[in-house]
Amino acid sequence: VQLQASGGGLVQAGGSLRLSCAASGRTFSLYNLGWFRQAPGKEREFVGAISRGGSTTYYLDSVKGRFTISRDNAKNTVYLQMNSLKPEDTAVYYCAAKFTSSEYTYWGQGTQVTVSS
């Protein structure tokens, strides 16, 4: 599966952005999907994930209540709605997919999110 992330940009603290990640292929609904981010000088970190059917989600503690992951299997797209953004959310955000493995196998190219104070 190929992934293409979009929707990043520059936003003021307290603002919102919605990231999208479009996937190719006809088996999108079989993949668990995740969002990760990497800030300058820091390691990549897990932000959140969503199960195949969309019924289960997981989040990094620091984004709980602010970020929401959803997916539309008919559109082969996963979303990351980010509200109440903080400067510390500034990073390149990546979407990723895994089929049956414990690790994410497929990665999108990343989209930059910059939150100004």
Protein backbone atom coordinates (compact mmCIF):
# COMPACT_ATOMS: atom_id res chain seq x y z
CA VAL A 1 0.00 0.00 0.00
CA GLN A 2 1.21 3.51 -0.77
CA LEU A 3 0.38 6.39 1.56
CA GLN A 4 0.19 10.12 0.82
CA ALA A 5 -0.18 12.53 3.73
CA SER A 6 -1.43 16.09 3.34
CA GLY A 7 -3.00 18.94 5.27
CA GLY A 8 -0.06 20.27 7.22
CA GLY A 9 0.67 23.95 7.56
CA LEU A 10 1.31 26.88 9.88
CA VAL A 11 -1.24 27.60 12.60
CA GLN A 12 -1.33 29.67 15.74
CA ALA A 13 -1.45 28.05 19.14
CA GLY A 14 -5.00 27.06 19.97
CA GLY A 15 -5.86 26.51 16.35
CA SER A 16 -6.82 23.39 14.46
CA LEU A 17 -5.64 21.37 11.49
CA ARG A 18 -6.88 18.19 9.89
CA LEU A 19 -4.35 15.90 8.30
CA SER A 20 -5.36 13.38 5.69
CA CYS A 21 -3.59 10.30 4.48
CA ALA A 22 -4.80 8.74 1.27
CA ALA A 23 -3.86 5.18 0.43
CA SER A 24 -3.70 3.23 -2.76
CA GLY A 25 -4.88 -0.32 -3.13
CA ARG A 26 -8.08 -2.25 -2.60
CA THR A 27 -7.22 -3.73 0.78
CA PHE A 28 -7.12 -0.51 2.79
CA SER A 29 -9.70 -1.78 5.26
CA LEU A 30 -7.44 -4.66 6.24
CA TYR A 31 -4.72 -2.39 7.61
CA ASN A 32 -4.31 -0.93 11.05
CA LEU A 33 -3.27 2.69 10.64
CA GLY A 34 -1.19 5.02 12.72
CA TRP A 35 0.06 8.57 12.93
CA PHE A 36 3.56 9.43 14.09
CA ARG A 37 5.50 12.66 14.36
CA GLN A 38 9.10 13.75 14.51
CA ALA A 39 10.20 17.11 15.83
CA PRO A 40 13.63 18.56 14.99
CA GLY A 41 16.35 16.88 17.00
CA LYS A 42 13.95 14.34 18.48
CA GLU A 43 13.09 10.74 17.78
CA ARG A 44 9.93 9.84 15.97
CA GLU A 45 7.05 9.23 18.36
CA PHE A 46 3.72 7.50 18.16
CA VAL A 47 0.76 9.88 18.11
CA GLY A 48 -2.18 7.56 17.66
CA ALA A 49 -3.65 4.60 15.85
CA ILE A 50 -6.94 3.23 14.63
CA SER A 51 -8.08 -0.33 14.11
CA ARG A 52 -9.21 -1.81 10.80
CA GLY A 53 -12.87 -1.12 11.32
CA GLY A 54 -12.33 2.15 13.11
CA SER A 55 -13.89 1.04 16.38
CA THR A 56 -10.71 1.26 18.45
CA THR A 57 -8.30 4.14 18.75
CA TYR A 58 -5.16 4.76 20.78
CA TYR A 59 -3.46 8.05 21.57
CA LEU A 60 -0.29 9.47 23.00
CA ASP A 61 -1.16 10.83 26.44
CA SER A 62 -0.20 14.37 25.55
CA VAL A 63 -2.69 14.53 22.67
CA LYS A 64 -5.63 12.79 24.29
CA GLY A 65 -8.70 15.00 24.21
CA ARG A 66 -7.17 17.22 21.53
CA PHE A 67 -6.50 14.87 18.61
CA THR A 68 -8.94 12.48 16.98
CA ILE A 69 -8.15 9.76 14.47
CA SER A 70 -10.79 8.52 12.08
CA ARG A 71 -10.88 6.61 8.84
CA ASP A 72 -13.11 6.29 5.82
CA ASN A 73 -12.50 2.90 4.28
CA ALA A 74 -14.68 3.75 1.29
CA LYS A 75 -12.30 6.61 0.48
CA ASN A 76 -9.11 4.80 1.50
CA THR A 77 -8.29 7.69 3.80
CA VAL A 78 -7.33 8.15 7.41
CA TYR A 79 -7.59 11.48 9.19
CA LEU A 80 -5.98 13.17 12.14
CA GLN A 81 -8.05 16.03 13.50
CA MET A 82 -5.87 18.21 15.69
CA ASN A 83 -7.48 20.80 17.95
CA SER A 84 -6.08 23.12 20.61
CA LEU A 85 -2.68 22.89 19.01
CA LYS A 86 0.39 23.78 21.03
CA PRO A 87 3.87 24.84 19.91
CA GLU A 88 5.17 21.48 21.15
CA ASP A 89 3.00 19.78 18.53
CA THR A 90 5.29 21.20 15.86
CA ALA A 91 6.72 18.29 13.88
CA VAL A 92 6.61 16.39 10.64
CA TYR A 93 3.63 14.08 10.83
CA TYR A 94 3.63 10.68 9.17
CA CYS A 95 0.90 8.17 8.53
CA ALA A 96 1.71 4.49 8.56
CA ALA A 97 0.02 1.16 7.99
CA LYS A 98 0.51 -2.39 9.12
CA PHE A 99 -1.26 -5.55 8.10
CA THR A 100 -0.49 -8.39 10.46
CA SER A 101 2.94 -7.45 11.70
CA SER A 102 3.55 -5.82 15.05
CA GLU A 103 5.48 -3.00 13.41
CA TYR A 104 4.32 -0.48 10.85
CA THR A 105 5.47 -1.53 7.43
CA TYR A 106 4.24 1.20 5.11
CA TRP A 107 4.92 4.90 5.57
CA GLY A 108 3.77 8.10 3.96
CA GLN A 109 6.14 10.91 3.08
CA GLY A 110 5.25 13.22 5.98
CA THR A 111 3.59 16.61 6.23
CA GLN A 112 4.93 19.55 8.22
CA VAL A 113 2.87 21.02 11.04
CA THR A 114 4.12 24.23 12.62
CA VAL A 115 2.37 25.79 15.59
CA SER A 116 3.37 29.34 16.44
CA SER A 117 3.07 30.76 19.94
